[in-house]
């Protein structure tokens, strides 16, 4: 059984669109561009959503690329953006264009990213000596040490 969580949101601009779920089983909720935005090659752009959210404590929002825009060449340079439960500012989507041409123009209201809500465990760190860390087959091997590369 899936756990239920309620995320409150506010429109910071009357033109903002509420988050929508593409289907009942969709993991992410679509975020839309507040205004027409041009994302140029070689630089990062902040795309406004006009929304603020109140994510409950113990949860985080993960902002991810939409696969359809990623297939065209729009990526998030930070991979996944994290929205902490105590953040109340406007949700922005950081995007870079690596596709064909010098830029992509995103229309007002276009679905630009998706937000997933994920649990955040209470975590602590405790320092030990290197020898006390559990050993693995991979050990200290770096990039490519798992045998694929």
Protein backbone atom coordinates (compact mmCIF):
# COMPACT_ATOMS: atom_id res chain seq x y z
CA UNK A 1 0.00 0.00 0.00
CA UNK A 2 1.32 3.43 -0.92
CA UNK A 3 1.70 6.16 1.67
CA UNK A 4 -0.30 9.31 1.09
CA UNK A 5 1.18 12.80 1.43
CA UNK A 6 -0.43 16.19 0.87
CA UNK A 7 1.64 19.01 -0.62
CA UNK A 8 0.17 22.48 -0.30
CA UNK A 9 0.84 24.90 -3.13
CA UNK A 10 0.22 28.58 -3.81
CA UNK A 11 0.10 30.44 -7.10
CA UNK A 12 2.50 33.37 -6.85
CA UNK A 13 1.16 34.66 -10.16
CA UNK A 14 -2.43 34.40 -11.42
CA UNK A 15 -1.10 32.90 -14.68
CA UNK A 16 0.53 29.94 -12.92
CA UNK A 17 -0.78 26.43 -13.55
CA UNK A 18 -1.31 23.94 -10.73
CA UNK A 19 0.75 20.73 -10.82
CA UNK A 20 -0.98 17.98 -12.77
CA UNK A 21 -0.52 14.23 -12.87
CA UNK A 22 -0.44 12.71 -16.37
CA UNK A 23 -2.10 9.52 -15.16
CA UNK A 24 -3.11 7.93 -11.87
CA UNK A 25 0.11 5.86 -11.90
CA UNK A 26 2.48 8.67 -12.94
CA UNK A 27 5.28 9.11 -10.39
CA UNK A 28 5.77 12.81 -11.08
CA UNK A 29 3.53 15.84 -11.22
CA UNK A 30 3.99 18.07 -14.25
CA UNK A 31 5.20 21.63 -13.80
CA UNK A 32 4.45 24.23 -16.47
CA UNK A 33 6.26 27.34 -17.67
CA UNK A 34 4.75 30.53 -16.30
CA UNK A 35 5.88 32.51 -19.33
CA UNK A 36 7.46 31.93 -22.71
CA UNK A 37 11.14 31.19 -22.07
CA UNK A 38 14.10 30.78 -24.41
CA UNK A 39 16.75 28.29 -23.32
CA UNK A 40 19.99 28.91 -25.21
CA UNK A 41 22.80 26.52 -25.95
CA UNK A 42 25.85 26.91 -23.70
CA UNK A 43 24.07 28.60 -20.80
CA UNK A 44 21.58 27.73 -18.10
CA UNK A 45 18.16 29.31 -17.80
CA UNK A 46 15.81 29.47 -14.84
CA UNK A 47 12.30 28.69 -16.00
CA UNK A 48 9.64 30.19 -13.74
CA UNK A 49 6.63 28.16 -12.66
CA UNK A 50 4.87 30.81 -10.58
CA UNK A 51 4.32 28.23 -7.83
CA UNK A 52 5.47 27.85 -4.25
CA UNK A 53 4.98 24.63 -2.28
CA UNK A 54 4.95 23.47 1.33
CA UNK A 55 6.39 19.97 1.32
CA UNK A 56 5.81 18.23 4.66
CA UNK A 57 8.80 17.69 6.95
CA UNK A 58 10.41 14.32 6.28
CA UNK A 59 9.82 14.63 2.52
CA UNK A 60 11.57 16.33 -0.40
CA UNK A 61 10.58 17.40 -3.88
CA UNK A 62 12.71 16.11 -6.75
CA UNK A 63 12.56 18.18 -9.92
CA UNK A 64 13.36 16.05 -12.97
CA UNK A 65 13.46 16.53 -16.71
CA UNK A 66 10.52 15.43 -18.79
CA UNK A 67 11.66 12.65 -21.11
CA UNK A 68 10.06 14.26 -24.18
CA UNK A 69 12.11 17.46 -23.75
CA UNK A 70 15.22 15.47 -22.83
CA UNK A 71 14.91 13.52 -26.08
CA UNK A 72 14.94 16.83 -27.97
CA UNK A 73 18.00 18.11 -26.07
CA UNK A 74 16.81 20.04 -23.02
CA UNK A 75 18.58 18.84 -19.88
CA UNK A 76 18.87 19.89 -16.28
CA UNK A 77 22.55 20.65 -15.64
CA UNK A 78 22.19 19.62 -11.99
CA UNK A 79 20.52 16.32 -12.95
CA UNK A 80 17.82 16.38 -10.29
CA UNK A 81 16.88 19.51 -8.37
CA UNK A 82 16.00 19.11 -4.70
CA UNK A 83 13.26 21.12 -3.01
CA UNK A 84 13.69 20.96 0.77
CA UNK A 85 10.65 20.87 3.04
CA UNK A 86 11.51 24.30 4.50
CA UNK A 87 11.82 26.10 1.12
CA UNK A 88 8.96 28.48 0.34
CA UNK A 89 10.26 30.38 -2.67
CA UNK A 90 9.14 30.06 -6.27
CA UNK A 91 9.80 26.71 -7.93
CA UNK A 92 12.22 27.24 -10.81
CA UNK A 93 13.47 24.70 -13.30
CA UNK A 94 17.14 25.03 -14.26
CA UNK A 95 17.60 24.02 -17.91
CA UNK A 96 20.32 23.90 -20.58
CA UNK A 97 19.87 23.28 -24.29
CA UNK A 98 22.16 20.73 -25.99
CA UNK A 99 19.90 19.82 -28.92
CA UNK A 100 19.81 20.87 -32.57
CA UNK A 101 20.01 24.58 -33.18
CA UNK A 102 21.05 27.38 -30.86
CA UNK A 103 17.99 27.43 -28.61
CA UNK A 104 14.59 26.05 -27.73
CA UNK A 105 11.59 28.28 -27.07
CA UNK A 106 9.22 26.97 -24.43
CA UNK A 107 5.66 28.23 -24.64
CA UNK A 108 3.74 29.69 -21.72
CA UNK A 109 1.92 26.78 -20.07
CA UNK A 110 4.17 24.11 -21.62
CA UNK A 111 5.02 21.14 -19.39
CA UNK A 112 8.72 21.65 -18.59
CA UNK A 113 9.57 19.28 -15.74
CA UNK A 114 8.08 16.91 -13.24
CA UNK A 115 8.21 16.93 -9.47
CA UNK A 116 8.32 13.72 -7.44
CA UNK A 117 7.78 13.68 -3.69
CA UNK A 118 10.13 11.30 -1.85
CA UNK A 119 10.72 10.42 1.79
CA UNK A 120 13.87 11.68 3.51
CA UNK A 121 15.15 9.41 6.28
CA UNK A 122 16.57 10.83 9.49
CA UNK A 123 20.29 10.41 8.88
CA UNK A 124 23.37 10.75 11.05
CA UNK A 125 27.05 10.33 10.29
CA UNK A 126 29.63 8.75 12.58
CA UNK A 127 33.33 8.85 11.82
CA UNK A 128 35.27 5.57 11.90
CA UNK A 129 38.65 4.50 10.58
CA UNK A 130 38.83 3.31 6.97
CA UNK A 131 39.49 -0.22 8.18
CA UNK A 132 36.18 -0.21 10.08
CA UNK A 133 34.15 0.41 6.92
CA UNK A 134 32.57 -2.74 5.53
CA UNK A 135 34.49 -4.07 2.54
CA UNK A 136 32.91 -4.82 -0.84
CA UNK A 137 33.98 -6.71 -3.95
CA UNK A 138 34.51 -3.37 -5.69
CA UNK A 139 36.60 -1.97 -2.86
CA UNK A 140 38.41 1.29 -3.57
CA UNK A 141 38.00 1.01 -7.36
CA UNK A 142 36.95 4.22 -9.03
CA UNK A 143 35.06 4.92 -12.23
CA UNK A 144 34.88 1.83 -14.39
CA UNK A 145 36.05 -0.56 -11.67
CA UNK A 146 32.80 -2.54 -11.74
CA UNK A 147 33.91 -4.06 -15.05
CA UNK A 148 31.57 -2.35 -17.46
CA UNK A 149 34.03 0.27 -18.73
